[in-house]
Amino acid sequence: QVLLVESGGGLVQAGDSLRLSCAASGRTLSSLSMGWFRQAPGKEREFVAAISSGASRTDYADSVEGRFTISRDNAKNTWYLQMNSVKPEDTALYYCAARLRFGTAIRRDSSWYNYWGQGTQVTVSS
C-alpha cells in the first residue's frame, strides 16, 4: 500500500511562485511513477506533469510547460511541483498520484495511476 500526502497549497497572486510537495510512504520513489493532476471547480481533472520511477523522463501539459517543474528528493521520499509565474487559470485542487512501476513509463491518463493523495488547494488571484 502506498500513502500519498500533498502539501504546500495556498493563496498566491498572479506571477508568484509556489512549491507543492507529495510525500510518499509504503514504497520508495524509485519504484513509483508519479503524476500531478489538478481539478478546477466545474471542470474535469486534468494532467499537469509526470515523472518516471527512475526520474529519467518527465512530461508536462502544454499549459504549464516552461513554468512548472517536477522533481523529487529520494532521501525525503517526496516529489515536488515547483510552480512559477502562476496564473489565475492555475487555480485548482492539485493531486499527486502514483503507480508501482519500474522503468521509464509515465502516462497522462489519470486512470493509469492507482494511488492518490487527498489534494491541496491552489488559488491564484489576479
Foldseek 3Di string as FASTA:
>chain_A
DKAWAKDWADEEAAQAKTKMKIAIPDDFLLQKKKFKWWDDPPGDIFGAKIAASNRPDMDGDPVQPPFWDWDADRVRSMIMIIGGRDDQVVWTWMKMFIDRHHDGDDDRDPVRTDYIYPTDTHGYHD
